[in-house]
C-alpha atoms as a PDB file:
ATOM      1  CA  MET A   1      16.233  11.308  -3.523  1.00  0.00           C
ATOM      2  CA  ALA A   2      13.156  12.160  -1.548  1.00  0.00           C
ATOM      3  CA  ARG A   3      11.538  10.041   1.131  1.00  0.00           C
ATOM      4  CA  THR A   4       7.838  10.133   1.922  1.00  0.00           C
ATOM      5  CA  TYR A   5       6.559   8.442   5.067  1.00  0.00           C
ATOM      6  CA  VAL A   6       3.033   7.966   6.418  1.00  0.00           C
ATOM      7  CA  SER A   7       1.937   5.785   9.345  1.00  0.00           C
ATOM      8  CA  THR A   8      -1.044   4.986  11.524  1.00  0.00           C
ATOM      9  CA  VAL A   9      -2.256   2.652  14.259  1.00  0.00           C
ATOM     10  CA  VAL A  10      -5.055   0.305  13.184  1.00  0.00           C
ATOM     11  CA  PRO A  11      -7.388  -1.100  15.879  1.00  0.00           C
ATOM     12  CA  ALA A  12      -6.827  -4.760  14.972  1.00  0.00           C
ATOM     13  CA  PRO A  13      -4.101  -7.389  15.379  1.00  0.00           C
ATOM     14  CA  ALA A  14      -1.202  -7.123  12.932  1.00  0.00           C
ATOM     15  CA  ASP A  15      -1.992 -10.509  11.356  1.00  0.00           C
ATOM     16  CA  ALA A  16      -5.581  -9.436  10.602  1.00  0.00           C
ATOM     17  CA  VAL A  17      -4.407  -6.198   9.008  1.00  0.00           C
ATOM     18  CA  TRP A  18      -1.759  -8.078   6.991  1.00  0.00           C
ATOM     19  CA  GLN A  19      -4.458 -10.394   5.589  1.00  0.00           C
ATOM     20  CA  VAL A  20      -6.200  -7.323   4.146  1.00  0.00           C
ATOM     21  CA  VAL A  21      -3.215  -5.402   2.760  1.00  0.00           C
ATOM     22  CA  ARG A  22      -1.045  -8.321   1.591  1.00  0.00           C
ATOM     23  CA  PRO A  23      -2.780  -9.347  -1.681  1.00  0.00           C
ATOM     24  CA  PHE A  24      -0.882  -7.394  -4.351  1.00  0.00           C
ATOM     25  CA  ASP A  25      -4.066  -7.060  -6.402  1.00  0.00           C
ATOM     26  CA  GLY A  26      -6.289  -6.207  -3.407  1.00  0.00           C
ATOM     27  CA  LEU A  27      -5.723  -2.450  -3.079  1.00  0.00           C
ATOM     28  CA  PRO A  28      -9.223  -1.495  -4.366  1.00  0.00           C
ATOM     29  CA  LEU A  29     -10.766  -3.506  -1.524  1.00  0.00           C
ATOM     30  CA  TRP A  30      -9.512  -1.048   1.092  1.00  0.00           C
ATOM     31  CA  HIS A  31      -8.134   2.083  -0.625  1.00  0.00           C
ATOM     32  CA  PRO A  32     -10.819   4.568  -1.743  1.00  0.00           C
ATOM     33  CA  ALA A  33      -8.588   6.201  -4.389  1.00  0.00           C
ATOM     34  CA  ILE A  34      -8.078   2.947  -6.313  1.00  0.00           C
ATOM     35  CA  ALA A  35     -10.950   1.853  -8.565  1.00  0.00           C
ATOM     36  CA  SER A  36      -9.416  -1.342  -9.942  1.00  0.00           C
ATOM     37  CA  SER A  37      -6.349  -3.547  -9.905  1.00  0.00           C
ATOM     38  CA  ALA A  38      -5.434  -6.210 -12.443  1.00  0.00           C
ATOM     39  CA  LEU A  39      -2.451  -8.518 -12.410  1.00  0.00           C
ATOM     40  CA  GLU A  40      -0.704  -8.502 -15.765  1.00  0.00           C
ATOM     41  CA  GLU A  41       2.138 -10.899 -15.019  1.00  0.00           C
ATOM     42  CA  GLY A  42       2.647 -13.323 -12.171  1.00  0.00           C
ATOM     43  CA  GLY A  43       0.513 -14.161  -9.168  1.00  0.00           C
ATOM     44  CA  PRO A  44      -0.545 -12.122  -6.130  1.00  0.00           C
ATOM     45  CA  ALA A  45       2.343 -13.490  -4.037  1.00  0.00           C
ATOM     46  CA  SER A  46       5.114 -13.714  -6.644  1.00  0.00           C
ATOM     47  CA  VAL A  47       8.027 -11.301  -6.706  1.00  0.00           C
ATOM     48  CA  GLY A  48       8.128  -9.795 -10.194  1.00  0.00           C
ATOM     49  CA  THR A  49       4.341  -9.647 -10.511  1.00  0.00           C
ATOM     50  CA  LEU A  50       2.984  -6.611 -12.359  1.00  0.00           C
ATOM     51  CA  ARG A  51      -0.258  -4.911 -11.330  1.00  0.00           C
ATOM     52  CA  ARG A  52      -2.099  -2.190 -13.204  1.00  0.00           C
ATOM     53  CA  LEU A  53      -4.025   0.210 -10.972  1.00  0.00           C
ATOM     54  CA  ARG A  54      -6.749   2.552 -12.177  1.00  0.00           C
ATOM     55  CA  PHE A  55      -7.477   5.513  -9.941  1.00  0.00           C
ATOM     56  CA  ALA A  56     -11.039   6.431  -8.973  1.00  0.00           C
ATOM     57  CA  GLY A  57     -12.632   9.377 -10.720  1.00  0.00           C
ATOM     58  CA  GLY A  58     -10.405   9.479 -13.764  1.00  0.00           C
ATOM     59  CA  ASP A  59      -8.312   7.809 -16.384  1.00  0.00           C
ATOM     60  CA  THR A  60      -5.062   7.751 -14.407  1.00  0.00           C
ATOM     61  CA  GLU A  61      -3.344   4.366 -14.438  1.00  0.00           C
ATOM     62  CA  VAL A  62      -0.046   3.098 -13.087  1.00  0.00           C
ATOM     63  CA  LEU A  63       1.852  -0.137 -13.570  1.00  0.00           C
ATOM     64  CA  GLU A  64       3.771  -1.430 -10.548  1.00  0.00           C
ATOM     65  CA  ARG A  65       6.115  -4.392 -10.001  1.00  0.00           C
ATOM     66  CA  LEU A  66       6.315  -6.353  -6.740  1.00  0.00           C
ATOM     67  CA  THR A  67      10.019  -6.470  -5.844  1.00  0.00           C
ATOM     68  CA  ALA A  68       9.952  -8.041  -2.356  1.00  0.00           C
ATOM     69  CA  LEU A  69       7.455  -9.881  -0.162  1.00  0.00           C
ATOM     70  CA  ASP A  70       8.078 -11.140   3.377  1.00  0.00           C
ATOM     71  CA  ASP A  71       5.072 -12.667   5.129  1.00  0.00           C
ATOM     72  CA  ALA A  72       7.007 -13.332   8.343  1.00  0.00           C
ATOM     73  CA  ARG A  73       7.837  -9.634   8.653  1.00  0.00           C
ATOM     74  CA  ARG A  74       4.526  -8.486   7.114  1.00  0.00           C
ATOM     75  CA  THR A  75       6.132  -6.272   4.490  1.00  0.00           C
ATOM     76  CA  PHE A  76       6.238  -5.855   0.741  1.00  0.00           C
ATOM     77  CA  THR A  77       8.033  -3.515  -1.637  1.00  0.00           C
ATOM     78  CA  TYR A  78       7.097  -2.462  -5.147  1.00  0.00           C
ATOM     79  CA  GLU A  79       8.299  -0.027  -7.798  1.00  0.00           C
ATOM     80  CA  LEU A  80       6.555   2.204 -10.308  1.00  0.00           C
ATOM     81  CA  VAL A  81       7.070   0.956 -13.862  1.00  0.00           C
ATOM     82  CA  GLU A  82       4.674   3.145 -15.890  1.00  0.00           C
ATOM     83  CA  HIS A  83       3.067   6.285 -14.480  1.00  0.00           C
ATOM     84  CA  PRO A  84       2.167   9.927 -15.219  1.00  0.00           C
ATOM     85  CA  PHE A  85       3.789  11.334 -12.068  1.00  0.00           C
ATOM     86  CA  PRO A  86       6.724  13.784 -11.871  1.00  0.00           C
ATOM     87  CA  VAL A  87       9.220  11.149 -10.671  1.00  0.00           C
ATOM     88  CA  ARG A  88      11.904   9.234 -12.536  1.00  0.00           C
ATOM     89  CA  ARG A  89      11.951   6.275 -10.156  1.00  0.00           C
ATOM     90  CA  SER A  90       9.932   5.419  -7.090  1.00  0.00           C
ATOM     91  CA  VAL A  91      10.129   2.430  -4.740  1.00  0.00           C
ATOM     92  CA  SER A  92       7.501   1.992  -2.014  1.00  0.00           C
ATOM     93  CA  THR A  93       7.247  -0.266   1.021  1.00  0.00           C
ATOM     94  CA  LEU A  94       4.201  -1.127   3.113  1.00  0.00           C
ATOM     95  CA  ARG A  95       4.832  -2.740   6.492  1.00  0.00           C
ATOM     96  CA  VAL A  96       2.559  -3.951   9.326  1.00  0.00           C
ATOM     97  CA  LEU A  97       3.998  -4.276  12.835  1.00  0.00           C
ATOM     98  CA  PRO A  98       2.318  -5.438  16.051  1.00  0.00           C
ATOM     99  CA  VAL A  99       1.634  -3.009  18.877  1.00  0.00           C
ATOM    100  CA  THR A 100       2.112  -5.591  21.598  1.00  0.00           C
ATOM    101  CA  ASP A 101       0.544  -3.831  24.576  1.00  0.00           C
ATOM    102  CA  THR A 102      -2.781  -3.147  22.815  1.00  0.00           C
ATOM    103  CA  ASP A 103      -2.934  -5.968  20.214  1.00  0.00           C
ATOM    104  CA  GLU A 104      -3.238  -3.365  17.472  1.00  0.00           C
ATOM    105  CA  ALA A 105      -1.189  -2.836  14.318  1.00  0.00           C
ATOM    106  CA  PHE A 106       1.251  -0.097  13.408  1.00  0.00           C
ATOM    107  CA  VAL A 107       1.146   0.354   9.631  1.00  0.00           C
ATOM    108  CA  GLU A 108       3.719   2.370   7.725  1.00  0.00           C
ATOM    109  CA  TRP A 109       3.850   3.177   4.030  1.00  0.00           C
ATOM    110  CA  SER A 110       6.903   4.847   2.598  1.00  0.00           C
ATOM    111  CA  ALA A 111       8.401   5.780  -0.749  1.00  0.00           C
ATOM    112  CA  VAL A 112      11.863   6.713  -1.928  1.00  0.00           C
ATOM    113  CA  SER A 113      11.727   8.637  -5.200  1.00  0.00           C
ATOM    114  CA  GLU A 114      13.946  10.370  -7.691  1.00  0.00           C
ATOM    115  CA  GLU A 115      11.752  13.362  -8.394  1.00  0.00           C
ATOM    116  CA  ASP A 116      11.500  15.633 -11.380  1.00  0.00           C
ATOM    117  CA  ALA A 117      13.005  18.906 -10.137  1.00  0.00           C
ATOM    118  CA  THR A 118      10.165  20.924 -11.664  1.00  0.00           C
ATOM    119  CA  ASP A 119       7.607  19.723  -9.098  1.00  0.00           C
ATOM    120  CA  ALA A 120       9.349  17.891  -6.259  1.00  0.00           C
ATOM    121  CA  ALA A 121       7.074  19.363  -3.572  1.00  0.00           C
ATOM    122  CA  GLY A 122       3.977  18.470  -5.577  1.00  0.00           C
ATOM    123  CA  ALA A 123       5.159  14.886  -6.035  1.00  0.00           C
ATOM    124  CA  ARG A 124       5.753  14.432  -2.296  1.00  0.00           C
ATOM    125  CA  ALA A 125       2.375  15.982  -1.454  1.00  0.00           C
ATOM    126  CA  LEU A 126       0.630  13.655  -3.915  1.00  0.00           C
ATOM    127  CA  VAL A 127       2.219  10.545  -2.377  1.00  0.00           C
ATOM    128  CA  GLU A 128       1.510  11.730   1.186  1.00  0.00           C
ATOM    129  CA  GLU A 129      -2.151  12.316   0.296  1.00  0.00           C
ATOM    130  CA  LEU A 130      -2.467   8.984  -1.512  1.00  0.00           C
ATOM    131  CA  TYR A 131      -0.830   6.930   1.242  1.00  0.00           C
ATOM    132  CA  GLY A 132      -2.474   8.938   4.029  1.00  0.00           C
ATOM    133  CA  SER A 133      -5.983   8.499   2.633  1.00  0.00           C
ATOM    134  CA  GLY A 134      -5.361   4.779   2.190  1.00  0.00           C
ATOM    135  CA  LEU A 135      -4.166   4.291   5.751  1.00  0.00           C
ATOM    136  CA  ALA A 136      -7.071   6.368   7.088  1.00  0.00           C
ATOM    137  CA  ALA A 137      -9.510   4.135   5.189  1.00  0.00           C
ATOM    138  CA  LEU A 138      -7.764   1.011   6.486  1.00  0.00           C
ATOM    139  CA  ARG A 139      -7.959   2.294  10.068  1.00  0.00           C
ATOM    140  CA  GLN A 140     -11.650   3.163   9.608  1.00  0.00           C
ATOM    141  CA  ARG A 141     -12.407  -0.229   8.078  1.00  0.00           C
ATOM    142  CA  PHE A 142     -11.192  -2.012  11.202  1.00  0.00           C
ATOM    143  CA  ALA A 143     -12.737   0.547  13.572  1.00  0.00           C
ATOM    144  CA  VAL A 144     -16.153  -0.154  12.016  1.00  0.00           C
ATOM    145  CA  ASP A 145     -15.903  -3.857  11.155  1.00  0.00           C
ATOM    146  CA  GLY A 146     -13.415  -5.061  13.731  1.00  0.00           C
ATOM    147  CA  PRO A 147     -10.757  -7.597  12.830  1.00  0.00           C
ATOM    148  CA  ALA A 148     -11.475 -10.159  10.136  1.00  0.00           C
ATOM    149  CA  PRO A 149     -12.133 -13.640  11.525  1.00  0.00           C
ATOM    150  CA  ASP A 150      -9.050 -15.844  11.726  1.00  0.00           C
ATOM    151  CA  PRO A 151      -9.549 -18.733   9.260  1.00  0.00           C
ATOM    152  CA  ALA A 152      -7.026 -20.832  11.229  1.00  0.00           C
ATOM    153  CA  ALA A 153      -9.285 -20.688  14.303  1.00  0.00           C
ATOM    154  CA  ASP A 154     -12.032 -22.787  12.648  1.00  0.00           C
END
């Protein structure tokens, strides 16, 4: 089993960041490597939901299943179901935590995978690049736009 871990600090409150990353079909709205996302079964907040992602710049697609969602803790977990990657099984978790002294968010994205022994290092590097570029784009989005308005404040 291999573990991949990437994290960043986003210049926005944790709740604002969670509103952006939480929708299970919303990855293309903030991740530059994902061209499209379509739900194939279930709803965007239902455990068991399947999403099909198409990567930008190619024909690569993956099918993922939401296995856990906890709004109170701002975390969700999903597993790869269909994919072209050199792993037998992969489970990923994205979590958003508050940085209380600065009112920012600490975001971590991790994966635990059973890798194909022929390219274990390549598989880890691919996941680190994918998660790292996504978190960098998320951080940049809030640095440029600032936090999304709080709909509850209206």
